PDB file of N, CA and C in Angstrom:
ATOM      1  N   UNK A   1      61.579 -81.422 -25.644  1.00  0.00           N
ATOM      2  CA  UNK A   1      61.326 -81.605 -24.220  1.00  0.00           C
ATOM      3  C   UNK A   1      62.435 -80.917 -23.422  1.00  0.00           C
ATOM      4  N   UNK A   2      62.033 -80.184 -22.409  1.00  0.00           N
ATOM      5  CA  UNK A   2      62.973 -79.457 -21.561  1.00  0.00           C
ATOM      6  C   UNK A   2      63.494 -80.398 -20.478  1.00  0.00           C
ATOM      7  N   UNK A   3      64.805 -80.411 -20.282  1.00  0.00           N
ATOM      8  CA  UNK A   3      65.399 -81.222 -19.207  1.00  0.00           C
ATOM      9  C   UNK A   3      65.455 -80.422 -17.927  1.00  0.00           C
ATOM     10  N   UNK A   4      65.020 -81.007 -16.816  1.00  0.00           N
ATOM     11  CA  UNK A   4      65.103 -80.277 -15.547  1.00  0.00           C
ATOM     12  C   UNK A   4      66.544 -80.181 -15.072  1.00  0.00           C
ATOM     13  N   UNK A   5      66.856 -79.183 -14.262  1.00  0.00           N
ATOM     14  CA  UNK A   5      68.205 -79.073 -13.707  1.00  0.00           C
ATOM     15  C   UNK A   5      68.447 -80.169 -12.673  1.00  0.00           C
ATOM     16  N   UNK A   6      69.691 -80.274 -12.234  1.00  0.00           N
ATOM     17  CA  UNK A   6      70.028 -81.215 -11.161  1.00  0.00           C
ATOM     18  C   UNK A   6      69.292 -80.805  -9.900  1.00  0.00           C
ATOM     19  N   UNK A   7      69.205 -81.706  -8.951  1.00  0.00           N
ATOM     20  CA  UNK A   7      68.536 -81.428  -7.690  1.00  0.00           C
ATOM     21  C   UNK A   7      67.190 -82.128  -7.632  1.00  0.00           C
ATOM     22  N   UNK A   8      66.550 -82.020  -6.487  1.00  0.00           N
ATOM     23  CA  UNK A   8      65.262 -82.677  -6.305  1.00  0.00           C
ATOM     24  C   UNK A   8      64.273 -81.729  -5.644  1.00  0.00           C
ATOM     25  N   UNK A   9      63.009 -82.005  -5.863  1.00  0.00           N
ATOM     26  CA  UNK A   9      61.936 -81.275  -5.203  1.00  0.00           C
ATOM     27  C   UNK A   9      60.883 -82.297  -4.795  1.00  0.00           C
ATOM     28  N   UNK A  10      60.247 -82.074  -3.652  1.00  0.00           N
ATOM     29  CA  UNK A  10      59.203 -82.991  -3.199  1.00  0.00           C
ATOM     30  C   UNK A  10      58.039 -82.200  -2.612  1.00  0.00           C
ATOM     31  N   UNK A  11      56.876 -82.825  -2.643  1.00  0.00           N
ATOM     32  CA  UNK A  11      55.685 -82.252  -2.026  1.00  0.00           C
ATOM     33  C   UNK A  11      55.607 -82.825  -0.615  1.00  0.00           C
ATOM     34  N   UNK A  12      55.644 -81.949   0.388  1.00  0.00           N
ATOM     35  CA  UNK A  12      55.631 -82.395   1.779  1.00  0.00           C
ATOM     36  C   UNK A  12      54.243 -82.324   2.397  1.00  0.00           C
ATOM     37  N   UNK A  13      53.301 -81.755   1.695  1.00  0.00           N
ATOM     38  CA  UNK A  13      51.930 -81.696   2.170  1.00  0.00           C
ATOM     39  C   UNK A  13      51.025 -81.141   1.099  1.00  0.00           C
ATOM     40  N   UNK A  14      49.840 -81.716   0.978  1.00  0.00           N
ATOM     41  CA  UNK A  14      48.854 -81.239   0.006  1.00  0.00           C
ATOM     42  C   UNK A  14      47.479 -81.643   0.518  1.00  0.00           C
ATOM     43  N   UNK A  15      46.678 -80.629   0.907  1.00  0.00           N
ATOM     44  CA  UNK A  15      45.334 -80.950   1.374  1.00  0.00           C
ATOM     45  C   UNK A  15      44.451 -79.711   1.352  1.00  0.00           C
ATOM     46  N   UNK A  16      43.169 -79.959   1.331  1.00  0.00           N
ATOM     47  CA  UNK A  16      42.176 -78.909   1.442  1.00  0.00           C
ATOM     48  C   UNK A  16      41.601 -78.990   2.829  1.00  0.00           C
ATOM     49  N   UNK A  17      41.597 -77.871   3.554  1.00  0.00           N
ATOM     50  CA  UNK A  17      41.111 -77.880   4.930  1.00  0.00           C
ATOM     51  C   UNK A  17      40.622 -76.486   5.308  1.00  0.00           C
ATOM     52  N   UNK A  18      39.460 -76.429   5.937  1.00  0.00           N
ATOM     53  CA  UNK A  18      38.915 -75.173   6.464  1.00  0.00           C
ATOM     54  C   UNK A  18      38.873 -74.066   5.407  1.00  0.00           C
ATOM     55  N   UNK A  19      38.454 -74.409   4.196  1.00  0.00           N
ATOM     56  CA  UNK A  19      38.324 -73.408   3.139  1.00  0.00           C
ATOM     57  C   UNK A  19      39.629 -72.948   2.531  1.00  0.00           C
ATOM     58  N   UNK A  20      40.735 -73.667   2.781  1.00  0.00           N
ATOM     59  CA  UNK A  20      42.051 -73.288   2.237  1.00  0.00           C
ATOM     60  C   UNK A  20      42.724 -74.510   1.625  1.00  0.00           C
ATOM     61  N   UNK A  21      43.433 -74.283   0.523  1.00  0.00           N
ATOM     62  CA  UNK A  21      44.273 -75.324  -0.047  1.00  0.00           C
ATOM     63  C   UNK A  21      45.677 -75.105   0.485  1.00  0.00           C
ATOM     64  N   UNK A  22      46.239 -76.124   1.115  1.00  0.00           N
ATOM     65  CA  UNK A  22      47.552 -76.026   1.764  1.00  0.00           C
ATOM     66  C   UNK A  22      48.554 -76.906   1.017  1.00  0.00           C
ATOM     67  N   UNK A  23      49.723 -76.324   0.740  1.00  0.00           N
ATOM     68  CA  UNK A  23      50.749 -76.999  -0.046  1.00  0.00           C
ATOM     69  C   UNK A  23      52.098 -76.792   0.616  1.00  0.00           C
ATOM     70  N   UNK A  24      52.870 -77.870   0.762  1.00  0.00           N
ATOM     71  CA  UNK A  24      54.230 -77.787   1.275  1.00  0.00           C
ATOM     72  C   UNK A  24      55.197 -78.348   0.247  1.00  0.00           C
ATOM     73  N   UNK A  25      56.295 -77.648   0.006  1.00  0.00           N
ATOM     74  CA  UNK A  25      57.342 -78.089  -0.926  1.00  0.00           C
ATOM     75  C   UNK A  25      58.689 -78.070  -0.216  1.00  0.00           C
ATOM     76  N   UNK A  26      59.570 -78.973  -0.612  1.00  0.00           N
ATOM     77  CA  UNK A  26      60.959 -78.965  -0.128  1.00  0.00           C
ATOM     78  C   UNK A  26      61.858 -79.265  -1.314  1.00  0.00           C
ATOM     79  N   UNK A  27      63.037 -78.666  -1.345  1.00  0.00           N
ATOM     80  CA  UNK A  27      63.977 -78.913  -2.436  1.00  0.00           C
ATOM     81  C   UNK A  27      65.388 -79.024  -1.894  1.00  0.00           C
ATOM     82  N   UNK A  28      66.216 -79.752  -2.649  1.00  0.00           N
ATOM     83  CA  UNK A  28      67.628 -79.931  -2.284  1.00  0.00           C
ATOM     84  C   UNK A  28      68.488 -79.859  -3.541  1.00  0.00           C
ATOM     85  N   UNK A  29      69.693 -79.349  -3.359  1.00  0.00           N
ATOM     86  CA  UNK A  29      70.731 -79.317  -4.392  1.00  0.00           C
ATOM     87  C   UNK A  29      70.293 -78.673  -5.710  1.00  0.00           C
ATOM     88  N   UNK A  30      69.476 -77.649  -5.650  1.00  0.00           N
ATOM     89  CA  UNK A  30      69.089 -76.955  -6.884  1.00  0.00           C
ATOM     90  C   UNK A  30      70.180 -75.963  -7.263  1.00  0.00           C
ATOM     91  N   UNK A  31      70.530 -75.886  -8.546  1.00  0.00           N
ATOM     92  CA  UNK A  31      71.490 -74.874  -8.993  1.00  0.00           C
ATOM     93  C   UNK A  31      70.943 -73.461  -8.741  1.00  0.00           C
ATOM     94  N   UNK A  32      71.840 -72.490  -8.690  1.00  0.00           N
ATOM     95  CA  UNK A  32      71.438 -71.104  -8.451  1.00  0.00           C
ATOM     96  C   UNK A  32      70.399 -70.658  -9.471  1.00  0.00           C
ATOM     97  N   UNK A  33      69.394 -69.903  -8.980  1.00  0.00           N
ATOM     98  CA  UNK A  33      68.364 -69.289  -9.806  1.00  0.00           C
ATOM     99  C   UNK A  33      67.548 -70.296 -10.629  1.00  0.00           C
ATOM    100  N   UNK A  34      67.261 -71.439 -10.041  1.00  0.00           N
ATOM    101  CA  UNK A  34      66.370 -72.403 -10.691  1.00  0.00           C
ATOM    102  C   UNK A  34      64.937 -71.872 -10.586  1.00  0.00           C
ATOM    103  N   UNK A  35      64.235 -71.836 -11.698  1.00  0.00           N
ATOM    104  CA  UNK A  35      62.836 -71.397 -11.684  1.00  0.00           C
ATOM    105  C   UNK A  35      61.978 -72.530 -11.132  1.00  0.00           C
ATOM    106  N   UNK A  36      61.390 -72.306  -9.958  1.00  0.00           N
ATOM    107  CA  UNK A  36      60.526 -73.277  -9.308  1.00  0.00           C
ATOM    108  C   UNK A  36      59.083 -72.809  -9.459  1.00  0.00           C
ATOM    109  N   UNK A  37      58.255 -73.661 -10.028  1.00  0.00           N
ATOM    110  CA  UNK A  37      56.846 -73.342 -10.239  1.00  0.00           C
ATOM    111  C   UNK A  37      56.011 -74.487  -9.697  1.00  0.00           C
ATOM    112  N   UNK A  38      54.993 -74.155  -8.927  1.00  0.00           N
ATOM    113  CA  UNK A  38      54.046 -75.156  -8.434  1.00  0.00           C
ATOM    114  C   UNK A  38      52.644 -74.625  -8.704  1.00  0.00           C
ATOM    115  N   UNK A  39      51.818 -75.446  -9.322  1.00  0.00           N
ATOM    116  CA  UNK A  39      50.459 -75.058  -9.663  1.00  0.00           C
ATOM    117  C   UNK A  39      49.516 -76.075  -9.047  1.00  0.00           C
ATOM    118  N   UNK A  40      48.657 -75.606  -8.152  1.00  0.00           N
ATOM    119  CA  UNK A  40      47.726 -76.492  -7.465  1.00  0.00           C
ATOM    120  C   UNK A  40      46.345 -76.398  -8.098  1.00  0.00           C
ATOM    121  N   UNK A  41      45.643 -77.521  -8.081  1.00  0.00           N
ATOM    122  CA  UNK A  41      44.324 -77.627  -8.697  1.00  0.00           C
ATOM    123  C   UNK A  41      43.367 -78.272  -7.706  1.00  0.00           C
ATOM    124  N   UNK A  42      42.072 -78.096  -7.962  1.00  0.00           N
ATOM    125  CA  UNK A  42      41.059 -78.779  -7.178  1.00  0.00           C
ATOM    126  C   UNK A  42      40.020 -79.393  -8.116  1.00  0.00           C
ATOM    127  N   UNK A  43      39.411 -80.461  -7.666  1.00  0.00           N
ATOM    128  CA  UNK A  43      38.308 -81.069  -8.407  1.00  0.00           C
ATOM    129  C   UNK A  43      37.054 -80.887  -7.555  1.00  0.00           C
ATOM    130  N   UNK A  44      36.171 -79.936  -7.926  1.00  0.00           N
ATOM    131  CA  UNK A  44      35.032 -79.631  -7.078  1.00  0.00           C
ATOM    132  C   UNK A  44      33.954 -80.707  -7.024  1.00  0.00           C
ATOM    133  N   UNK A  45      33.723 -81.437  -8.096  1.00  0.00           N
ATOM    134  CA  UNK A  45      32.671 -82.443  -8.123  1.00  0.00           C
ATOM    135  C   UNK A  45      33.215 -83.757  -8.667  1.00  0.00           C
ATOM    136  N   UNK A  46      32.688 -84.884  -8.222  1.00  0.00           N
ATOM    137  CA  UNK A  46      33.140 -86.165  -8.774  1.00  0.00           C
ATOM    138  C   UNK A  46      32.999 -86.177 -10.296  1.00  0.00           C
ATOM    139  N   UNK A  47      34.072 -86.525 -10.980  1.00  0.00           N
ATOM    140  CA  UNK A  47      34.060 -86.573 -12.437  1.00  0.00           C
ATOM    141  C   UNK A  47      34.187 -85.224 -13.114  1.00  0.00           C
ATOM    142  N   UNK A  48      34.219 -84.149 -12.343  1.00  0.00           N
ATOM    143  CA  UNK A  48      34.321 -82.816 -12.923  1.00  0.00           C
ATOM    144  C   UNK A  48      35.752 -82.475 -13.315  1.00  0.00           C
ATOM    145  N   UNK A  49      35.895 -81.400 -14.047  1.00  0.00           N
ATOM    146  CA  UNK A  49      37.218 -80.970 -14.507  1.00  0.00           C
ATOM    147  C   UNK A  49      38.033 -80.409 -13.348  1.00  0.00           C
ATOM    148  N   UNK A  50      39.367 -80.553 -13.446  1.00  0.00           N
ATOM    149  CA  UNK A  50      40.261 -79.907 -12.493  1.00  0.00           C
ATOM    150  C   UNK A  50      40.220 -78.411 -12.775  1.00  0.00           C
ATOM    151  N   UNK A  51      40.184 -77.589 -11.717  1.00  0.00           N
ATOM    152  CA  UNK A  51      40.193 -76.143 -11.880  1.00  0.00           C
ATOM    153  C   UNK A  51      41.398 -75.574 -11.140  1.00  0.00           C
ATOM    154  N   UNK A  52      41.906 -74.446 -11.625  1.00  0.00           N
ATOM    155  CA  UNK A  52      43.102 -73.854 -11.030  1.00  0.00           C
ATOM    156  C   UNK A  52      42.836 -72.396 -10.717  1.00  0.00           C
ATOM    157  N   UNK A  53      42.407 -72.080  -9.491  1.00  0.00           N
ATOM    158  CA  UNK A  53      42.268 -70.677  -9.102  1.00  0.00           C
ATOM    159  C   UNK A  53      43.624 -69.973  -9.113  1.00  0.00           C
ATOM    160  N   UNK A  54      43.642 -68.720  -9.509  1.00  0.00           N
ATOM    161  CA  UNK A  54      44.899 -67.976  -9.676  1.00  0.00           C
ATOM    162  C   UNK A  54      45.744 -67.927  -8.409  1.00  0.00           C
ATOM    163  N   UNK A  55      45.133 -67.929  -7.241  1.00  0.00           N
ATOM    164  CA  UNK A  55      45.877 -67.816  -5.984  1.00  0.00           C
ATOM    165  C   UNK A  55      46.649 -69.082  -5.642  1.00  0.00           C
ATOM    166  N   UNK A  56      46.481 -70.139  -6.422  1.00  0.00           N
ATOM    167  CA  UNK A  56      47.082 -71.417  -6.065  1.00  0.00           C
ATOM    168  C   UNK A  56      48.300 -71.753  -6.916  1.00  0.00           C
ATOM    169  N   UNK A  57      49.078 -70.741  -7.276  1.00  0.00           N
ATOM    170  CA  UNK A  57      50.299 -70.961  -8.035  1.00  0.00           C
ATOM    171  C   UNK A  57      51.467 -70.287  -7.324  1.00  0.00           C
ATOM    172  N   UNK A  58      52.636 -70.912  -7.393  1.00  0.00           N
ATOM    173  CA  UNK A  58      53.848 -70.377  -6.779  1.00  0.00           C
ATOM    174  C   UNK A  58      54.910 -70.264  -7.868  1.00  0.00           C
ATOM    175  N   UNK A  59      55.499 -69.098  -7.993  1.00  0.00           N
ATOM    176  CA  UNK A  59      56.583 -68.864  -8.958  1.00  0.00           C
ATOM    177  C   UNK A  59      57.726 -68.207  -8.195  1.00  0.00           C
ATOM    178  N   UNK A  60      58.884 -68.847  -8.140  1.00  0.00           N
ATOM    179  CA  UNK A  60      60.028 -68.211  -7.481  1.00  0.00           C
ATOM    180  C   UNK A  60      61.327 -68.827  -7.969  1.00  0.00           C
ATOM    181  N   UNK A  61      62.408 -68.066  -7.781  1.00  0.00           N
ATOM    182  CA  UNK A  61      63.745 -68.589  -8.038  1.00  0.00           C
ATOM    183  C   UNK A  61      64.210 -69.274  -6.762  1.00  0.00           C
ATOM    184  N   UNK A  62      64.722 -70.474  -6.890  1.00  0.00           N
ATOM    185  CA  UNK A  62      65.196 -71.229  -5.734  1.00  0.00           C
ATOM    186  C   UNK A  62      66.602 -71.724  -6.012  1.00  0.00           C
ATOM    187  N   UNK A  63      67.337 -72.016  -4.952  1.00  0.00           N
ATOM    188  CA  UNK A  63      68.669 -72.598  -5.102  1.00  0.00           C
ATOM    189  C   UNK A  63      69.011 -73.332  -3.817  1.00  0.00           C
ATOM    190  N   UNK A  64      69.973 -74.241  -3.923  1.00  0.00           N
ATOM    191  CA  UNK A  64      70.400 -74.987  -2.743  1.00  0.00           C
ATOM    192  C   UNK A  64      69.277 -75.825  -2.186  1.00  0.00           C
ATOM    193  N   UNK A  65      69.088 -75.741  -0.882  1.00  0.00           N
ATOM    194  CA  UNK A  65      68.035 -76.492  -0.204  1.00  0.00           C
ATOM    195  C   UNK A  65      67.104 -75.522   0.504  1.00  0.00           C
ATOM    196  N   UNK A  66      65.846 -75.889   0.593  1.00  0.00           N
ATOM    197  CA  UNK A  66      64.891 -75.022   1.262  1.00  0.00           C
ATOM    198  C   UNK A  66      63.515 -75.652   1.292  1.00  0.00           C
ATOM    199  N   UNK A  67      62.588 -74.910   1.804  1.00  0.00           N
ATOM    200  CA  UNK A  67      61.209 -75.378   1.901  1.00  0.00           C
ATOM    201  C   UNK A  67      60.282 -74.174   1.855  1.00  0.00           C
ATOM    202  N   UNK A  68      59.069 -74.430   1.457  1.00  0.00           N
ATOM    203  CA  UNK A  68      58.070 -73.362   1.383  1.00  0.00           C
ATOM    204  C   UNK A  68      56.706 -73.975   1.629  1.00  0.00           C
ATOM    205  N   UNK A  69      55.895 -73.292   2.405  1.00  0.00           N
ATOM    206  CA  UNK A  69      54.502 -73.687   2.624  1.00  0.00           C
ATOM    207  C   UNK A  69      53.614 -72.544   2.170  1.00  0.00           C
ATOM    208  N   UNK A  70      52.563 -72.878   1.444  1.00  0.00           N
ATOM    209  CA  UNK A  70      51.591 -71.859   1.069  1.00  0.00           C
ATOM    210  C   UNK A  70      50.197 -72.368   1.420  1.00  0.00           C
ATOM    211  N   UNK A  71      49.332 -71.430   1.715  1.00  0.00           N
ATOM    212  CA  UNK A  71      47.932 -71.744   1.960  1.00  0.00           C
ATOM    213  C   UNK A  71      47.125 -70.634   1.305  1.00  0.00           C
ATOM    214  N   UNK A  72      46.236 -71.013   0.412  1.00  0.00           N
ATOM    215  CA  UNK A  72      45.435 -70.030  -0.304  1.00  0.00           C
ATOM    216  C   UNK A  72      43.964 -70.283  -0.039  1.00  0.00           C
ATOM    217  N   UNK A  73      43.189 -69.222   0.148  1.00  0.00           N
ATOM    218  CA  UNK A  73      41.760 -69.421   0.331  1.00  0.00           C
ATOM    219  C   UNK A  73      41.154 -70.042  -0.919  1.00  0.00           C
ATOM    220  N   UNK A  74      40.301 -71.005  -0.717  1.00  0.00           N
ATOM    221  CA  UNK A  74      39.616 -71.657  -1.830  1.00  0.00           C
ATOM    222  C   UNK A  74      38.170 -71.918  -1.422  1.00  0.00           C
ATOM    223  N   UNK A  75      37.439 -70.849  -1.061  1.00  0.00           N
ATOM    224  CA  UNK A  75      36.062 -71.061  -0.629  1.00  0.00           C
ATOM    225  C   UNK A  75      35.195 -71.495  -1.795  1.00  0.00           C
ATOM    226  N   UNK A  76      34.393 -72.480  -1.576  1.00  0.00           N
ATOM    227  CA  UNK A  76      33.530 -73.004  -2.624  1.00  0.00           C
ATOM    228  C   UNK A  76      32.184 -73.373  -2.017  1.00  0.00           C
ATOM    229  N   UNK A  77      31.142 -73.295  -2.813  1.00  0.00           N
ATOM    230  CA  UNK A  77      29.852 -73.816  -2.376  1.00  0.00           C
ATOM    231  C   UNK A  77      29.962 -75.330  -2.260  1.00  0.00           C
ATOM    232  N   UNK A  78      30.588 -75.930  -3.245  1.00  0.00           N
ATOM    233  CA  UNK A  78      30.864 -77.373  -3.210  1.00  0.00           C
ATOM    234  C   UNK A  78      32.354 -77.535  -2.926  1.00  0.00           C
ATOM    235  N   UNK A  79      32.698 -78.268  -1.898  1.00  0.00           N
ATOM    236  CA  UNK A  79      34.107 -78.418  -1.547  1.00  0.00           C
ATOM    237  C   UNK A  79      34.809 -79.380  -2.508  1.00  0.00           C
ATOM    238  N   UNK A  80      36.121 -79.223  -2.704  1.00  0.00           N
ATOM    239  CA  UNK A  80      36.853 -80.118  -3.594  1.00  0.00           C
ATOM    240  C   UNK A  80      36.815 -81.554  -3.084  1.00  0.00           C
ATOM    241  N   UNK A  81      36.712 -82.485  -4.000  1.00  0.00           N
ATOM    242  CA  UNK A  81      36.759 -83.896  -3.630  1.00  0.00           C
ATOM    243  C   UNK A  81      38.163 -84.455  -3.786  1.00  0.00           C
ATOM    244  N   UNK A  82      39.043 -83.716  -4.461  1.00  0.00           N
ATOM    245  CA  UNK A  82      40.437 -84.122  -4.633  1.00  0.00           C
ATOM    246  C   UNK A  82      41.250 -82.877  -4.953  1.00  0.00           C
ATOM    247  N   UNK A  83      42.561 -82.926  -4.676  1.00  0.00           N
ATOM    248  CA  UNK A  83      43.463 -81.828  -5.014  1.00  0.00           C
ATOM    249  C   UNK A  83      44.695 -82.410  -5.713  1.00  0.00           C
ATOM    250  N   UNK A  84      45.361 -81.562  -6.487  1.00  0.00           N
ATOM    251  CA  UNK A  84      46.541 -81.997  -7.247  1.00  0.00           C
ATOM    252  C   UNK A  84      47.504 -80.825  -7.361  1.00  0.00           C
ATOM    253  N   UNK A  85      48.799 -81.125  -7.449  1.00  0.00           N
ATOM    254  CA  UNK A  85      49.798 -80.102  -7.711  1.00  0.00           C
ATOM    255  C   UNK A  85      50.770 -80.630  -8.769  1.00  0.00           C
ATOM    256  N   UNK A  86      51.126 -79.753  -9.710  1.00  0.00           N
ATOM    257  CA  UNK A  86      52.175 -80.032 -10.694  1.00  0.00           C
ATOM    258  C   UNK A  86      53.347 -79.126 -10.350  1.00  0.00           C
ATOM    259  N   UNK A  87      54.563 -79.693 -10.311  1.00  0.00           N
ATOM    260  CA  UNK A  87      55.761 -78.932  -9.957  1.00  0.00           C
ATOM    261  C   UNK A  87      56.720 -78.948 -11.140  1.00  0.00           C
ATOM    262  N   UNK A  88      57.266 -77.766 -11.453  1.00  0.00           N
ATOM    263  CA  UNK A  88      58.172 -77.592 -12.596  1.00  0.00           C
ATOM    264  C   UNK A  88      59.480 -76.982 -12.112  1.00  0.00           C
ATOM    265  N   UNK A  89      60.598 -77.415 -12.698  1.00  0.00           N
ATOM    266  CA  UNK A  89      61.908 -76.799 -12.491  1.00  0.00           C
ATOM    267  C   UNK A  89      62.402 -76.334 -13.851  1.00  0.00           C
ATOM    268  N   UNK A  90      62.668 -75.055 -13.976  1.00  0.00           N
ATOM    269  CA  UNK A  90      63.090 -74.453 -15.239  1.00  0.00           C
ATOM    270  C   UNK A  90      62.193 -74.878 -16.401  1.00  0.00           C
ATOM    271  N   UNK A  91      60.904 -74.935 -16.152  1.00  0.00           N
ATOM    272  CA  UNK A  91      59.929 -75.228 -17.202  1.00  0.00           C
ATOM    273  C   UNK A  91      59.661 -76.694 -17.464  1.00  0.00           C
ATOM    274  N   UNK A  92      60.421 -77.597 -16.850  1.00  0.00           N
ATOM    275  CA  UNK A  92      60.213 -79.033 -17.043  1.00  0.00           C
ATOM    276  C   UNK A  92      59.404 -79.587 -15.874  1.00  0.00           C
ATOM    277  N   UNK A  93      58.302 -80.284 -16.175  1.00  0.00           N
ATOM    278  CA  UNK A  93      57.522 -80.875 -15.087  1.00  0.00           C
ATOM    279  C   UNK A  93      58.318 -82.010 -14.473  1.00  0.00           C
ATOM    280  N   UNK A  94      58.490 -81.941 -13.150  1.00  0.00           N
ATOM    281  CA  UNK A  94      59.278 -82.955 -12.454  1.00  0.00           C
ATOM    282  C   UNK A  94      58.421 -83.857 -11.585  1.00  0.00           C
ATOM    283  N   UNK A  95      57.208 -83.423 -11.250  1.00  0.00           N
ATOM    284  CA  UNK A  95      56.327 -84.317 -10.496  1.00  0.00           C
ATOM    285  C   UNK A  95      54.907 -83.797 -10.472  1.00  0.00           C
ATOM    286  N   UNK A  96      53.999 -84.739 -10.272  1.00  0.00           N
ATOM    287  CA  UNK A  96      52.583 -84.459 -10.046  1.00  0.00           C
ATOM    288  C   UNK A  96      52.172 -85.274  -8.838  1.00  0.00           C
ATOM    289  N   UNK A  97      51.501 -84.628  -7.885  1.00  0.00           N
ATOM    290  CA  UNK A  97      51.008 -85.332  -6.710  1.00  0.00           C
ATOM    291  C   UNK A  97      49.526 -85.037  -6.563  1.00  0.00           C
ATOM    292  N   UNK A  98      48.803 -86.029  -6.081  1.00  0.00           N
ATOM    293  CA  UNK A  98      47.379 -85.873  -5.821  1.00  0.00           C
ATOM    294  C   UNK A  98      47.116 -86.122  -4.352  1.00  0.00           C
ATOM    295  N   UNK A  99      46.120 -85.458  -3.826  1.00  0.00           N
ATOM    296  CA  UNK A  99      45.756 -85.626  -2.435  1.00  0.00           C
ATOM    297  C   UNK A  99      44.250 -85.627  -2.277  1.00  0.00           C
ATOM    298  N   UNK A 100      43.783 -86.023  -1.109  1.00  0.00           N
ATOM    299  CA  UNK A 100      42.342 -86.064  -0.876  1.00  0.00           C
ATOM    300  C   UNK A 100      41.778 -84.662  -0.643  1.00  0.00           C
ATOM    301  N   UNK A 101      40.554 -84.486  -1.034  1.00  0.00           N
ATOM    302  CA  UNK A 101      39.813 -83.290  -0.663  1.00  0.00           C
ATOM    303  C   UNK A 101      38.962 -83.660   0.540  1.00  0.00           C
ATOM    304  N   UNK A 102      37.710 -83.323   0.490  1.00  0.00           N
ATOM    305  CA  UNK A 102      36.775 -83.668   1.564  1.00  0.00           C
ATOM    306  C   UNK A 102      35.480 -84.133   0.923  1.00  0.00           C
ATOM    307  N   UNK A 103      34.546 -84.578   1.747  1.00  0.00           N
ATOM    308  CA  UNK A 103      33.248 -84.968   1.215  1.00  0.00           C
ATOM    309  C   UNK A 103      32.558 -83.744   0.616  1.00  0.00           C
ATOM    310  N   UNK A 104      32.060 -83.840  -0.623  1.00  0.00           N
ATOM    311  CA  UNK A 104      31.421 -82.670  -1.237  1.00  0.00           C
ATOM    312  C   UNK A 104      30.129 -82.309  -0.496  1.00  0.00           C
ATOM    313  N   UNK A 105      29.791 -81.019  -0.536  1.00  0.00           N
ATOM    314  CA  UNK A 105      28.594 -80.554   0.156  1.00  0.00           C
ATOM    315  C   UNK A 105      27.449 -80.295  -0.823  1.00  0.00           C
ATOM    316  N   UNK A 106      27.566 -80.714  -2.062  1.00  0.00           N
ATOM    317  CA  UNK A 106      26.492 -80.488  -3.022  1.00  0.00           C
ATOM    318  C   UNK A 106      26.201 -81.746  -3.813  1.00  0.00           C
TER     319      UNK A 106
END
């Protein structure tokens, strides 16, 4: 098991709105060149599998304190009923957050 570096990361926003998945992250006290990875998922139908479109991943080196917001198009015939993000620091998963989607259209 990989141990995460010192510091913290939090999800400041996670939602699906107007055909886009929106994600906010904030971090504090990360050592220099910490690999920060966030992978967002959607659940298109009740009971269906989580899916991860390629545009919904963030890979960057982070250090100190900072924040980042991303919004990726996620047009679907059936809208997601739930969203989720997994966040990793230097390859170690440090948190998973889930958020609401919208009422499905199919």
